[in-house]
């Protein structure tokens, strides 16, 4: 609502944004518990995807980038020497550079086989996949139906859950939460803190004390 009203101000339809004066701290945000997808279920979905799409899922799983950041990725934005990826199409419209070898994953085997020109993982026409989310959804439904018919365990997951799993692996490997926040492109580390709920007490204690002096908590 605030974004819409801000647009109305920019267009000259209203003179001020009343939503900005509302105290949003009184609204308690409720989030579902973050549960990483089952590896077996992820493998079944990858196996059922059309050529090219499993590589995109691998990239999301190993780098934690968002789906739209991976689908349109160009080979020119991949620095093989530094093992870095320059993301230009981001949620915040602010480009960022990420490493592909991190505490959360390692995309070296995947990127070593990727195209060196054009789109990194194109469809059969050499273009980025369109409506990738809906395509994944169709595959997910087919796999779920088949597994139900054959009485095979399968847990549905969202493509974005691969990003969540990456972030949790990063923190469980004692990776720094501030670096993770920058890697994921979060505007605030407060957003990244949602993953702390997935850690054990010992893991949480280690993460909160990374890079601090005299045991002073980082958060």
N, C-alpha and C. Protein backbone atom coordinates (compact mmCIF):
# COMPACT_ATOMS: atom_id res chain seq x y z
N UNK A 1 0.83 -1.19 0.00
CA UNK A 1 0.00 0.00 0.00
C UNK A 1 0.87 1.26 0.00
N UNK A 2 1.94 1.22 0.82
CA UNK A 2 2.82 2.38 0.89
C UNK A 2 3.47 2.66 -0.46
N UNK A 3 3.88 1.61 -1.16
CA UNK A 3 4.50 1.80 -2.48
C UNK A 3 3.50 2.40 -3.47
N UNK A 4 2.25 1.93 -3.40
CA UNK A 4 1.23 2.45 -4.29
C UNK A 4 0.98 3.93 -4.03
N UNK A 5 0.89 4.29 -2.75
CA UNK A 5 0.65 5.69 -2.40
C UNK A 5 1.85 6.56 -2.79
N UNK A 6 3.06 6.01 -2.65
CA UNK A 6 4.25 6.76 -3.07
C UNK A 6 4.22 7.03 -4.57
N UNK A 7 3.75 6.04 -5.33
CA UNK A 7 3.62 6.23 -6.78
C UNK A 7 2.59 7.32 -7.08
N UNK A 8 1.51 7.33 -6.31
CA UNK A 8 0.48 8.36 -6.51
C UNK A 8 1.03 9.76 -6.23
N UNK A 9 1.90 9.86 -5.23
CA UNK A 9 2.54 11.14 -4.93
C UNK A 9 3.42 11.57 -6.11
N UNK A 10 4.19 10.61 -6.64
CA UNK A 10 5.08 10.91 -7.77
C UNK A 10 4.30 11.33 -9.00
N UNK A 11 3.10 10.77 -9.17
CA UNK A 11 2.28 11.12 -10.33
C UNK A 11 1.48 12.40 -10.11
N UNK A 12 1.53 12.94 -8.89
CA UNK A 12 0.82 14.16 -8.61
C UNK A 12 -0.65 13.98 -8.29
N UNK A 13 -1.06 12.74 -8.01
CA UNK A 13 -2.46 12.48 -7.71
C UNK A 13 -2.80 12.87 -6.27
N UNK A 14 -1.83 12.73 -5.36
CA UNK A 14 -2.00 13.14 -3.97
C UNK A 14 -0.74 13.89 -3.55
N UNK A 15 -0.82 14.61 -2.44
CA UNK A 15 0.32 15.43 -2.02
C UNK A 15 1.22 14.75 -1.01
N UNK A 16 0.72 13.72 -0.31
CA UNK A 16 1.55 13.04 0.68
C UNK A 16 1.13 11.58 0.80
N UNK A 17 2.01 10.77 1.39
CA UNK A 17 1.76 9.35 1.58
C UNK A 17 1.34 9.12 3.03
N UNK A 18 0.06 8.93 3.31
CA UNK A 18 -0.39 8.75 4.70
C UNK A 18 0.11 7.45 5.33
N UNK A 19 0.49 6.48 4.51
CA UNK A 19 0.95 5.20 5.07
C UNK A 19 2.26 5.36 5.84
N UNK A 20 3.05 6.39 5.48
CA UNK A 20 4.33 6.58 6.15
C UNK A 20 4.18 6.97 7.61
N UNK A 21 3.06 7.55 7.96
CA UNK A 21 2.84 7.97 9.34
C UNK A 21 2.27 6.86 10.22
N UNK A 22 1.97 5.71 9.61
CA UNK A 22 1.39 4.60 10.38
C UNK A 22 2.50 3.84 11.10
N UNK A 23 2.30 3.57 12.37
CA UNK A 23 3.28 2.85 13.18
C UNK A 23 3.17 1.35 12.91
N UNK A 24 4.04 0.87 12.03
CA UNK A 24 3.96 -0.53 11.65
C UNK A 24 4.58 -1.46 12.68
N UNK A 25 5.22 -0.91 13.70
CA UNK A 25 5.82 -1.77 14.73
C UNK A 25 4.77 -2.48 15.55
N UNK A 26 3.52 -2.00 15.52
CA UNK A 26 2.46 -2.65 16.30
C UNK A 26 1.92 -3.88 15.58
N UNK A 27 2.32 -4.06 14.33
CA UNK A 27 1.87 -5.23 13.56
C UNK A 27 2.93 -6.32 13.70
N UNK A 28 2.55 -7.43 14.26
CA UNK A 28 3.48 -8.54 14.40
C UNK A 28 3.47 -9.37 13.12
N UNK A 29 4.64 -9.45 12.53
CA UNK A 29 4.75 -10.22 11.29
C UNK A 29 4.86 -11.70 11.63
N UNK A 30 4.02 -12.50 10.99
CA UNK A 30 4.03 -13.93 11.23
C UNK A 30 4.63 -14.63 10.03
N UNK A 31 5.61 -15.46 10.27
CA UNK A 31 6.27 -16.20 9.21
C UNK A 31 6.13 -17.69 9.49
N UNK A 32 5.93 -18.45 8.42
CA UNK A 32 5.94 -19.90 8.58
C UNK A 32 7.35 -20.35 8.89
N UNK A 33 7.50 -21.43 9.68
CA UNK A 33 8.85 -21.94 9.96
C UNK A 33 9.58 -22.28 8.67
N UNK A 34 10.86 -21.94 8.62
CA UNK A 34 11.65 -22.22 7.42
C UNK A 34 12.13 -23.67 7.47
N UNK A 35 11.72 -24.45 6.49
CA UNK A 35 12.10 -25.86 6.41
C UNK A 35 12.78 -26.11 5.08
N UNK A 36 14.04 -26.49 5.07
CA UNK A 36 14.73 -26.76 3.80
C UNK A 36 14.05 -27.91 3.06
N UNK A 37 14.05 -27.88 1.73
CA UNK A 37 13.42 -28.96 0.97
C UNK A 37 14.16 -30.28 1.14
N UNK A 38 13.42 -31.36 1.01
CA UNK A 38 14.01 -32.70 1.11
C UNK A 38 14.91 -32.95 -0.10
N UNK A 39 16.17 -33.35 0.10
CA UNK A 39 17.08 -33.60 -1.04
C UNK A 39 16.54 -34.60 -2.04
N UNK A 40 15.88 -35.65 -1.56
CA UNK A 40 15.33 -36.65 -2.48
C UNK A 40 14.23 -36.03 -3.35
N UNK A 41 13.41 -35.18 -2.77
CA UNK A 41 12.34 -34.53 -3.52
C UNK A 41 12.93 -33.58 -4.56
N UNK A 42 13.97 -32.85 -4.19
CA UNK A 42 14.64 -31.94 -5.13
C UNK A 42 15.21 -32.73 -6.30
N UNK A 43 15.83 -33.86 -6.00
CA UNK A 43 16.42 -34.70 -7.05
C UNK A 43 15.36 -35.22 -8.01
N UNK A 44 14.19 -35.58 -7.49
CA UNK A 44 13.11 -36.08 -8.35
C UNK A 44 12.60 -34.99 -9.28
N UNK A 45 12.49 -33.77 -8.77
CA UNK A 45 12.03 -32.67 -9.61
C UNK A 45 13.06 -32.36 -10.69
N UNK A 46 14.33 -32.34 -10.34
CA UNK A 46 15.37 -32.08 -11.34
C UNK A 46 15.33 -33.12 -12.45
N UNK A 47 15.13 -34.38 -12.06
CA UNK A 47 15.11 -35.46 -13.05
C UNK A 47 13.93 -35.35 -14.00
N UNK A 48 12.86 -34.70 -13.57
CA UNK A 48 11.65 -34.58 -14.40
C UNK A 48 11.63 -33.31 -15.24
N UNK A 49 12.58 -32.40 -15.02
CA UNK A 49 12.61 -31.13 -15.76
C UNK A 49 13.13 -31.31 -17.17
N UNK A 50 12.77 -30.37 -18.04
CA UNK A 50 13.29 -30.36 -19.40
C UNK A 50 14.76 -29.95 -19.37
N UNK A 51 15.53 -30.26 -20.42
CA UNK A 51 16.96 -29.93 -20.44
C UNK A 51 17.20 -28.44 -20.18
N UNK A 52 18.19 -28.16 -19.37
CA UNK A 52 18.54 -26.78 -19.05
C UNK A 52 17.99 -26.33 -17.72
N UNK A 53 16.78 -26.74 -17.40
CA UNK A 53 16.16 -26.30 -16.16
C UNK A 53 16.83 -26.92 -14.91
N UNK A 54 17.26 -28.19 -14.95
CA UNK A 54 17.96 -28.72 -13.78
C UNK A 54 19.21 -27.93 -13.43
N UNK A 55 19.89 -27.39 -14.44
CA UNK A 55 21.10 -26.60 -14.19
C UNK A 55 20.75 -25.31 -13.45
N UNK A 56 19.60 -24.72 -13.80
CA UNK A 56 19.16 -23.51 -13.09
C UNK A 56 18.87 -23.83 -11.64
N UNK A 57 18.21 -24.97 -11.39
CA UNK A 57 17.94 -25.38 -10.01
C UNK A 57 19.23 -25.63 -9.25
N UNK A 58 20.21 -26.23 -9.92
CA UNK A 58 21.52 -26.46 -9.28
C UNK A 58 22.16 -25.12 -8.91
N UNK A 59 22.05 -24.14 -9.81
CA UNK A 59 22.66 -22.84 -9.56
C UNK A 59 21.99 -22.15 -8.37
N UNK A 60 20.65 -22.24 -8.31
CA UNK A 60 19.93 -21.66 -7.18
C UNK A 60 20.34 -22.35 -5.88
N UNK A 61 20.50 -23.64 -5.94
CA UNK A 61 20.83 -24.43 -4.75
C UNK A 61 22.23 -24.13 -4.24
N UNK A 62 23.17 -23.91 -5.15
CA UNK A 62 24.57 -23.74 -4.77
C UNK A 62 24.97 -22.29 -4.53
N UNK A 63 24.18 -21.33 -5.00
CA UNK A 63 24.56 -19.92 -4.83
C UNK A 63 23.56 -19.12 -4.01
N UNK A 64 22.34 -19.61 -3.85
CA UNK A 64 21.35 -18.87 -3.08
C UNK A 64 20.76 -17.68 -3.81
N UNK A 65 21.03 -17.51 -5.08
CA UNK A 65 20.46 -16.38 -5.80
C UNK A 65 18.97 -16.60 -6.05
N UNK A 66 18.28 -15.55 -6.39
CA UNK A 66 16.84 -15.64 -6.68
C UNK A 66 16.63 -16.20 -8.09
N UNK A 67 15.45 -16.73 -8.29
CA UNK A 67 15.13 -17.37 -9.58
C UNK A 67 15.32 -16.41 -10.75
N UNK A 68 14.80 -15.18 -10.64
CA UNK A 68 14.90 -14.24 -11.76
C UNK A 68 16.36 -13.83 -12.00
N UNK A 69 17.18 -13.89 -10.97
CA UNK A 69 18.60 -13.55 -11.14
C UNK A 69 19.32 -14.63 -11.93
N UNK A 70 18.89 -15.88 -11.78
CA UNK A 70 19.56 -17.00 -12.45
C UNK A 70 19.07 -17.21 -13.88
N UNK A 71 17.77 -17.05 -14.09
CA UNK A 71 17.19 -17.36 -15.40
C UNK A 71 17.78 -16.50 -16.51
N UNK A 72 17.96 -15.21 -16.24
CA UNK A 72 18.48 -14.31 -17.27
C UNK A 72 19.97 -14.07 -17.22
N UNK A 73 20.70 -14.91 -16.50
CA UNK A 73 22.14 -14.69 -16.32
C UNK A 73 22.90 -14.90 -17.63
N UNK A 74 23.78 -13.94 -17.94
CA UNK A 74 24.60 -14.01 -19.14
C UNK A 74 25.99 -14.53 -18.81
N UNK A 75 26.58 -15.22 -19.76
CA UNK A 75 27.92 -15.77 -19.56
C UNK A 75 28.93 -14.66 -19.32
N UNK A 76 28.71 -13.49 -19.90
CA UNK A 76 29.64 -12.37 -19.73
C UNK A 76 29.70 -11.90 -18.28
N UNK A 77 28.70 -12.21 -17.50
CA UNK A 77 28.67 -11.78 -16.11
C UNK A 77 29.30 -12.79 -15.16
N UNK A 78 29.89 -13.84 -15.71
CA UNK A 78 30.55 -14.87 -14.90
C UNK A 78 32.05 -14.72 -15.03
N UNK A 79 32.71 -14.45 -13.92
CA UNK A 79 34.16 -14.28 -13.90
C UNK A 79 34.78 -15.58 -13.40
N UNK A 80 35.24 -16.40 -14.33
CA UNK A 80 35.78 -17.71 -13.97
C UNK A 80 37.10 -17.60 -13.22
N UNK A 81 37.86 -16.57 -13.50
CA UNK A 81 39.15 -16.40 -12.83
C UNK A 81 38.97 -16.09 -11.35
N UNK A 82 38.04 -15.21 -11.03
CA UNK A 82 37.80 -14.82 -9.64
C UNK A 82 36.70 -15.66 -8.97
N UNK A 83 36.06 -16.51 -9.76
CA UNK A 83 34.95 -17.32 -9.27
C UNK A 83 33.85 -16.44 -8.66
N UNK A 84 33.43 -15.46 -9.48
CA UNK A 84 32.41 -14.52 -9.06
C UNK A 84 31.35 -14.37 -10.15
N UNK A 85 30.16 -13.97 -9.72
CA UNK A 85 29.05 -13.74 -10.64
C UNK A 85 28.52 -12.33 -10.41
N UNK A 86 28.39 -11.57 -11.47
CA UNK A 86 27.84 -10.21 -11.40
C UNK A 86 26.36 -10.29 -11.73
N UNK A 87 25.52 -9.97 -10.75
CA UNK A 87 24.08 -10.02 -10.93
C UNK A 87 23.56 -8.62 -11.26
N UNK A 88 22.95 -8.48 -12.42
CA UNK A 88 22.45 -7.18 -12.87
C UNK A 88 20.95 -7.05 -12.68
N UNK A 89 20.22 -8.15 -12.83
CA UNK A 89 18.76 -8.13 -12.67
C UNK A 89 18.42 -8.62 -11.27
N UNK A 90 18.29 -7.70 -10.33
CA UNK A 90 18.07 -8.05 -8.93
C UNK A 90 16.73 -7.49 -8.44
N UNK A 91 16.29 -7.98 -7.29
CA UNK A 91 15.01 -7.53 -6.72
C UNK A 91 15.03 -6.05 -6.38
N UNK A 92 16.17 -5.57 -5.92
CA UNK A 92 16.28 -4.16 -5.52
C UNK A 92 16.75 -3.26 -6.65
N UNK A 93 17.00 -3.86 -7.82
CA UNK A 93 17.52 -3.13 -8.99
C UNK A 93 18.93 -2.60 -8.76
N UNK A 94 19.58 -3.07 -7.71
CA UNK A 94 20.97 -2.70 -7.45
C UNK A 94 21.86 -3.90 -7.76
N UNK A 95 22.73 -3.78 -8.77
CA UNK A 95 23.61 -4.90 -9.11
C UNK A 95 24.49 -5.29 -7.91
N UNK A 96 24.84 -6.56 -7.83
CA UNK A 96 25.75 -7.01 -6.79
C UNK A 96 26.59 -8.16 -7.35
N UNK A 97 27.73 -8.37 -6.73
CA UNK A 97 28.64 -9.44 -7.14
C UNK A 97 28.71 -10.47 -6.03
N UNK A 98 28.55 -11.74 -6.40
CA UNK A 98 28.61 -12.81 -5.40
C UNK A 98 29.69 -13.83 -5.77
N UNK A 99 30.25 -14.46 -4.75
CA UNK A 99 31.17 -15.55 -4.96
C UNK A 99 30.38 -16.83 -5.18
N UNK A 100 30.91 -17.75 -5.97
CA UNK A 100 30.16 -18.99 -6.16
C UNK A 100 30.73 -20.15 -5.32
N UNK A 101 31.80 -19.89 -4.57
CA UNK A 101 32.28 -20.85 -3.58
C UNK A 101 32.13 -20.19 -2.22
N UNK A 102 31.20 -20.67 -1.43
CA UNK A 102 30.87 -20.04 -0.15
C UNK A 102 30.59 -21.13 0.89
N UNK A 103 30.38 -20.74 2.14
CA UNK A 103 29.99 -21.75 3.15
C UNK A 103 28.66 -22.42 2.81
N UNK A 104 27.85 -21.81 1.95
CA UNK A 104 26.55 -22.38 1.62
C UNK A 104 26.53 -23.29 0.42
N UNK A 105 27.57 -23.24 -0.41
CA UNK A 105 27.57 -24.08 -1.60
C UNK A 105 28.77 -23.84 -2.48
N UNK A 106 28.89 -24.67 -3.52
CA UNK A 106 30.01 -24.58 -4.45
C UNK A 106 29.48 -24.88 -5.85
N UNK A 107 29.45 -23.86 -6.71
CA UNK A 107 28.91 -24.01 -8.05
C UNK A 107 30.00 -24.25 -9.09
N UNK A 108 31.21 -24.55 -8.67
CA UNK A 108 32.32 -24.74 -9.61
C UNK A 108 32.05 -25.82 -10.65
N UNK A 109 31.63 -27.04 -10.25
CA UNK A 109 31.38 -28.07 -11.25
C UNK A 109 30.32 -27.65 -12.27
N UNK A 110 29.30 -26.97 -11.82
CA UNK A 110 28.22 -26.55 -12.71
C UNK A 110 28.67 -25.47 -13.68
N UNK A 111 29.32 -24.42 -13.16
CA UNK A 111 29.72 -23.30 -14.01
C UNK A 111 30.88 -23.65 -14.92
N UNK A 112 31.65 -24.66 -14.54
CA UNK A 112 32.73 -25.10 -15.41
C UNK A 112 32.22 -25.69 -16.71
N UNK A 113 30.97 -26.18 -16.71
CA UNK A 113 30.39 -26.79 -17.90
C UNK A 113 29.40 -25.86 -18.61
N UNK A 114 29.19 -24.67 -18.05
CA UNK A 114 28.20 -23.75 -18.61
C UNK A 114 28.73 -23.07 -19.87
N UNK A 115 27.80 -22.49 -20.62
CA UNK A 115 28.17 -21.78 -21.85
C UNK A 115 29.07 -20.60 -21.54
N UNK A 116 29.98 -20.27 -22.48
CA UNK A 116 30.90 -19.15 -22.29
C UNK A 116 30.46 -17.92 -23.07
N UNK A 117 29.31 -18.00 -23.72
CA UNK A 117 28.76 -16.82 -24.38
C UNK A 117 27.25 -16.94 -24.42
N UNK A 118 26.59 -15.79 -24.57
CA UNK A 118 25.14 -15.79 -24.58
C UNK A 118 24.57 -16.03 -23.19
N UNK A 119 23.34 -16.53 -23.15
CA UNK A 119 22.72 -16.84 -21.87
C UNK A 119 23.36 -18.09 -21.27
N UNK A 120 23.51 -18.07 -19.96
CA UNK A 120 24.23 -19.14 -19.30
C UNK A 120 23.48 -20.47 -19.41
N UNK A 121 22.18 -20.44 -19.16
CA UNK A 121 21.38 -21.67 -19.25
C UNK A 121 20.14 -21.39 -20.09
N UNK A 122 20.27 -21.36 -21.42
CA UNK A 122 19.16 -21.01 -22.30
C UNK A 122 18.21 -22.18 -22.54
N UNK A 123 17.05 -21.86 -23.11
CA UNK A 123 16.14 -22.92 -23.54
C UNK A 123 16.58 -23.42 -24.92
N UNK A 124 15.76 -24.20 -25.54
CA UNK A 124 16.14 -24.79 -26.84
C UNK A 124 16.32 -23.74 -27.92
N UNK A 125 15.72 -22.59 -27.74
CA UNK A 125 15.83 -21.51 -28.73
C UNK A 125 16.96 -20.55 -28.42
N UNK A 126 17.75 -20.86 -27.40
CA UNK A 126 18.86 -19.98 -27.04
C UNK A 126 18.46 -18.77 -26.24
N UNK A 127 17.21 -18.75 -25.76
CA UNK A 127 16.69 -17.63 -24.98
C UNK A 127 16.46 -18.06 -23.53
N UNK A 128 16.35 -17.09 -22.62
CA UNK A 128 16.08 -17.46 -21.23
C UNK A 128 14.68 -18.05 -21.11
N UNK A 129 14.52 -18.95 -20.15
CA UNK A 129 13.22 -19.58 -19.93
C UNK A 129 12.19 -18.53 -19.52
N UNK A 130 11.04 -18.60 -20.15
CA UNK A 130 9.94 -17.71 -19.78
C UNK A 130 8.99 -18.45 -18.84
N UNK A 131 8.41 -17.71 -17.94
CA UNK A 131 7.48 -18.30 -16.98
C UNK A 131 8.09 -19.51 -16.28
N UNK A 132 9.33 -19.34 -15.85
CA UNK A 132 10.04 -20.46 -15.23
C UNK A 132 9.30 -20.97 -14.00
N UNK A 133 8.75 -20.06 -13.21
CA UNK A 133 8.07 -20.46 -11.99
C UNK A 133 6.88 -21.37 -12.29
N UNK A 134 6.09 -21.00 -13.30
CA UNK A 134 4.93 -21.84 -13.63
C UNK A 134 5.38 -23.18 -14.21
N UNK A 135 6.48 -23.19 -14.96
CA UNK A 135 7.00 -24.45 -15.49
C UNK A 135 7.43 -25.38 -14.36
N UNK A 136 8.12 -24.81 -13.37
CA UNK A 136 8.52 -25.61 -12.22
C UNK A 136 7.29 -26.14 -11.49
N UNK A 137 6.27 -25.29 -11.41
CA UNK A 137 5.05 -25.70 -10.72
C UNK A 137 4.39 -26.88 -11.41
N UNK A 138 4.37 -26.88 -12.74
CA UNK A 138 3.79 -27.99 -13.48
C UNK A 138 4.58 -29.27 -13.26
N UNK A 139 5.90 -29.14 -13.27
CA UNK A 139 6.75 -30.31 -13.03
C UNK A 139 6.51 -30.84 -11.62
N UNK A 140 6.42 -29.92 -10.66
CA UNK A 140 6.20 -30.31 -9.27
C UNK A 140 4.91 -31.10 -9.12
N UNK A 141 3.86 -30.63 -9.77
CA UNK A 141 2.57 -31.31 -9.67
C UNK A 141 2.62 -32.69 -10.32
N UNK A 142 3.30 -32.81 -11.45
CA UNK A 142 3.41 -34.11 -12.11
C UNK A 142 4.17 -35.10 -11.24
N UNK A 143 5.28 -34.63 -10.68
CA UNK A 143 6.09 -35.51 -9.84
C UNK A 143 5.32 -35.92 -8.59
N UNK A 144 4.63 -34.96 -7.98
CA UNK A 144 3.86 -35.25 -6.77
C UNK A 144 2.76 -36.27 -7.05
N UNK A 145 2.07 -36.12 -8.19
CA UNK A 145 1.00 -37.05 -8.55
C UNK A 145 1.56 -38.45 -8.80
N UNK A 146 2.68 -38.53 -9.50
CA UNK A 146 3.27 -39.84 -9.78
C UNK A 146 3.73 -40.52 -8.50
N UNK A 147 4.36 -39.73 -7.62
CA UNK A 147 4.84 -40.31 -6.36
C UNK A 147 3.68 -40.79 -5.49
N UNK A 148 2.58 -40.03 -5.53
CA UNK A 148 1.41 -40.44 -4.74
C UNK A 148 0.83 -41.75 -5.28
N UNK A 149 0.79 -41.87 -6.61
CA UNK A 149 0.27 -43.08 -7.24
C UNK A 149 1.15 -44.28 -6.93
N UNK A 150 2.45 -44.07 -6.93
CA UNK A 150 3.40 -45.16 -6.70
C UNK A 150 3.79 -45.30 -5.23
N UNK A 151 3.12 -44.51 -4.36
CA UNK A 151 3.37 -44.56 -2.92
C UNK A 151 4.85 -44.30 -2.59
N UNK A 152 5.40 -43.27 -3.24
CA UNK A 152 6.79 -42.87 -3.02
C UNK A 152 6.80 -41.58 -2.20
N UNK A 153 7.59 -41.51 -1.14
CA UNK A 153 7.63 -40.28 -0.33
C UNK A 153 8.09 -39.08 -1.17
N UNK A 154 7.33 -38.00 -1.09
CA UNK A 154 7.68 -36.78 -1.81
C UNK A 154 7.12 -35.58 -1.06
N UNK A 155 7.96 -34.58 -0.85
CA UNK A 155 7.53 -33.36 -0.16
C UNK A 155 7.65 -32.19 -1.13
N UNK A 156 6.52 -31.56 -1.43
CA UNK A 156 6.55 -30.41 -2.32
C UNK A 156 7.37 -29.28 -1.70
N UNK A 157 7.95 -28.47 -2.55
CA UNK A 157 8.74 -27.33 -2.08
C UNK A 157 8.63 -26.21 -3.09
N UNK A 158 8.87 -25.00 -2.63
CA UNK A 158 8.92 -23.85 -3.52
C UNK A 158 10.34 -23.70 -4.05
N UNK A 159 10.48 -23.15 -5.23
CA UNK A 159 11.81 -22.92 -5.78
C UNK A 159 12.60 -22.01 -4.85
N UNK A 160 11.92 -21.05 -4.22
CA UNK A 160 12.60 -20.13 -3.30
C UNK A 160 13.16 -20.85 -2.08
N UNK A 161 12.65 -22.06 -1.80
CA UNK A 161 13.16 -22.81 -0.65
C UNK A 161 14.60 -23.24 -0.86
N UNK A 162 15.05 -23.33 -2.12
CA UNK A 162 16.44 -23.65 -2.38
C UNK A 162 17.35 -22.53 -1.86
N UNK A 163 16.87 -21.31 -1.96
CA UNK A 163 17.61 -20.15 -1.43
C UNK A 163 17.64 -20.23 0.10
N UNK A 164 16.53 -20.59 0.70
CA UNK A 164 16.50 -20.74 2.15
C UNK A 164 17.49 -21.82 2.60
N UNK A 165 17.51 -22.94 1.90
CA UNK A 165 18.41 -24.03 2.27
C UNK A 165 19.86 -23.60 2.18
N UNK A 166 20.18 -22.81 1.15
CA UNK A 166 21.54 -22.29 0.99
C UNK A 166 21.92 -21.45 2.19
N UNK A 167 21.04 -20.54 2.59
CA UNK A 167 21.33 -19.64 3.71
C UNK A 167 21.53 -20.41 5.01
N UNK A 168 20.72 -21.44 5.21
CA UNK A 168 20.84 -22.24 6.44
C UNK A 168 22.16 -23.00 6.44
N UNK A 169 22.55 -23.58 5.29
CA UNK A 169 23.83 -24.29 5.21
C UNK A 169 24.98 -23.33 5.52
N UNK A 170 24.89 -22.12 5.00
CA UNK A 170 25.93 -21.10 5.24
C UNK A 170 26.13 -20.88 6.74
N UNK A 171 25.03 -20.66 7.45
CA UNK A 171 25.12 -20.37 8.88
C UNK A 171 25.53 -21.60 9.68
N UNK A 172 25.06 -22.77 9.28
CA UNK A 172 25.44 -24.00 9.99
C UNK A 172 26.93 -24.30 9.82
N UNK A 173 27.52 -23.77 8.73
CA UNK A 173 28.95 -23.93 8.49
C UNK A 173 29.76 -22.81 9.14
N UNK A 174 29.11 -22.08 10.06
CA UNK A 174 29.75 -20.98 10.80
C UNK A 174 30.10 -19.80 9.90
N UNK A 175 29.38 -19.65 8.81
CA UNK A 175 29.59 -18.49 7.95
C UNK A 175 29.06 -17.22 8.60
N UNK A 176 29.65 -16.10 8.28
CA UNK A 176 29.28 -14.81 8.87
C UNK A 176 27.92 -14.36 8.35
N UNK A 177 27.03 -13.96 9.24
CA UNK A 177 25.68 -13.58 8.85
C UNK A 177 25.66 -12.26 8.09
N UNK A 178 26.60 -11.36 8.36
CA UNK A 178 26.63 -10.08 7.65
C UNK A 178 27.07 -10.28 6.20
N UNK A 179 28.03 -11.16 6.01
CA UNK A 179 28.45 -11.47 4.65
C UNK A 179 27.33 -12.19 3.90
N UNK A 180 26.63 -13.08 4.60
CA UNK A 180 25.49 -13.77 3.99
C UNK A 180 24.43 -12.77 3.56
N UNK A 181 24.16 -11.79 4.40
CA UNK A 181 23.16 -10.78 4.09
C UNK A 181 23.52 -10.03 2.81
N UNK A 182 24.79 -9.67 2.67
CA UNK A 182 25.23 -8.99 1.45
C UNK A 182 25.13 -9.92 0.24
N UNK A 183 25.50 -11.18 0.44
CA UNK A 183 25.46 -12.16 -0.64
C UNK A 183 24.04 -12.33 -1.16
N UNK A 184 23.08 -12.40 -0.27
CA UNK A 184 21.69 -12.61 -0.65
C UNK A 184 21.03 -11.35 -1.20
N UNK A 185 21.67 -10.20 -0.98
CA UNK A 185 21.11 -8.96 -1.48
C UNK A 185 20.05 -8.38 -0.58
N UNK A 186 20.09 -8.74 0.71
CA UNK A 186 19.13 -8.18 1.66
C UNK A 186 19.49 -6.73 1.96
N UNK A 187 18.50 -5.89 2.11
CA UNK A 187 18.75 -4.49 2.42
C UNK A 187 19.12 -4.30 3.89
N UNK A 188 18.81 -5.29 4.73
CA UNK A 188 19.13 -5.22 6.15
C UNK A 188 19.42 -6.62 6.67
N UNK A 189 20.36 -6.70 7.62
CA UNK A 189 20.66 -8.00 8.22
C UNK A 189 19.47 -8.52 9.01
N UNK A 190 18.54 -7.65 9.36
CA UNK A 190 17.33 -8.08 10.06
C UNK A 190 16.56 -9.10 9.23
N UNK A 191 16.58 -8.91 7.93
CA UNK A 191 15.92 -9.87 7.05
C UNK A 191 16.62 -11.22 7.10
N UNK A 192 17.93 -11.20 7.14
CA UNK A 192 18.72 -12.43 7.17
C UNK A 192 18.55 -13.19 8.47
N UNK A 193 18.18 -12.50 9.52
CA UNK A 193 18.05 -13.13 10.83
C UNK A 193 16.92 -14.16 10.90
N UNK A 194 16.06 -14.20 9.89
CA UNK A 194 14.99 -15.20 9.90
C UNK A 194 15.57 -16.62 9.88
N UNK A 195 16.80 -16.76 9.38
CA UNK A 195 17.40 -18.08 9.28
C UNK A 195 17.99 -18.56 10.61
N UNK A 196 18.12 -17.67 11.56
CA UNK A 196 18.67 -18.07 12.86
C UNK A 196 17.76 -19.08 13.55
N UNK A 197 16.48 -19.06 13.24
CA UNK A 197 15.54 -19.98 13.89
C UNK A 197 15.78 -21.42 13.46
N UNK A 198 16.53 -21.64 12.38
CA UNK A 198 16.79 -23.00 11.90
C UNK A 198 18.05 -23.60 12.52
N UNK A 199 18.75 -22.84 13.38
CA UNK A 199 19.99 -23.30 13.96
C UNK A 199 19.77 -23.94 15.33
N UNK A 200 20.69 -24.82 15.70
CA UNK A 200 20.67 -25.38 17.05
C UNK A 200 21.22 -24.33 18.01
N UNK A 201 21.12 -24.58 19.29
CA UNK A 201 21.61 -23.62 20.28
C UNK A 201 23.11 -23.39 20.13
N UNK A 202 23.88 -24.47 19.90
CA UNK A 202 25.33 -24.32 19.73
C UNK A 202 25.67 -23.57 18.45
N UNK A 203 24.95 -23.88 17.37
CA UNK A 203 25.20 -23.19 16.10
C UNK A 203 24.85 -21.71 16.23
N UNK A 204 23.77 -21.42 16.90
CA UNK A 204 23.35 -20.04 17.09
C UNK A 204 24.39 -19.26 17.89
N UNK A 205 24.93 -19.88 18.92
CA UNK A 205 25.94 -19.23 19.75
C UNK A 205 27.18 -18.90 18.94
N UNK A 206 27.59 -19.83 18.06
CA UNK A 206 28.78 -19.59 17.23
C UNK A 206 28.53 -18.45 16.24
N UNK A 207 27.35 -18.45 15.61
CA UNK A 207 27.04 -17.42 14.62
C UNK A 207 26.98 -16.04 15.26
N UNK A 208 26.39 -15.95 16.43
CA UNK A 208 26.25 -14.66 17.09
C UNK A 208 27.56 -14.09 17.59
N UNK A 209 28.59 -14.94 17.68
CA UNK A 209 29.88 -14.47 18.18
C UNK A 209 30.95 -14.40 17.09
N UNK A 210 30.59 -14.65 15.84
CA UNK A 210 31.57 -14.57 14.76
C UNK A 210 32.09 -13.15 14.62
N UNK A 211 33.41 -13.00 14.61
CA UNK A 211 34.02 -11.70 14.37
C UNK A 211 33.85 -10.71 15.50
N UNK A 212 33.57 -11.16 16.73
CA UNK A 212 33.41 -10.24 17.84
C UNK A 212 34.57 -10.35 18.80
N UNK A 213 34.68 -9.39 19.71
CA UNK A 213 35.75 -9.36 20.70
C UNK A 213 35.18 -9.63 22.09
N UNK A 214 35.91 -10.37 22.88
CA UNK A 214 35.56 -10.62 24.28
C UNK A 214 34.16 -11.21 24.43
N UNK A 215 33.74 -11.98 23.41
CA UNK A 215 32.46 -12.66 23.52
C UNK A 215 31.25 -11.77 23.37
N UNK A 216 31.43 -10.53 22.93
CA UNK A 216 30.30 -9.63 22.73
C UNK A 216 29.50 -10.09 21.52
N UNK A 217 28.20 -10.24 21.67
CA UNK A 217 27.39 -10.74 20.59
C UNK A 217 27.34 -9.75 19.44
N UNK A 218 27.33 -10.32 18.22
CA UNK A 218 27.32 -9.49 17.03
C UNK A 218 25.95 -8.93 16.74
N UNK A 219 24.92 -9.56 17.25
CA UNK A 219 23.56 -9.11 16.96
C UNK A 219 22.85 -8.70 18.22
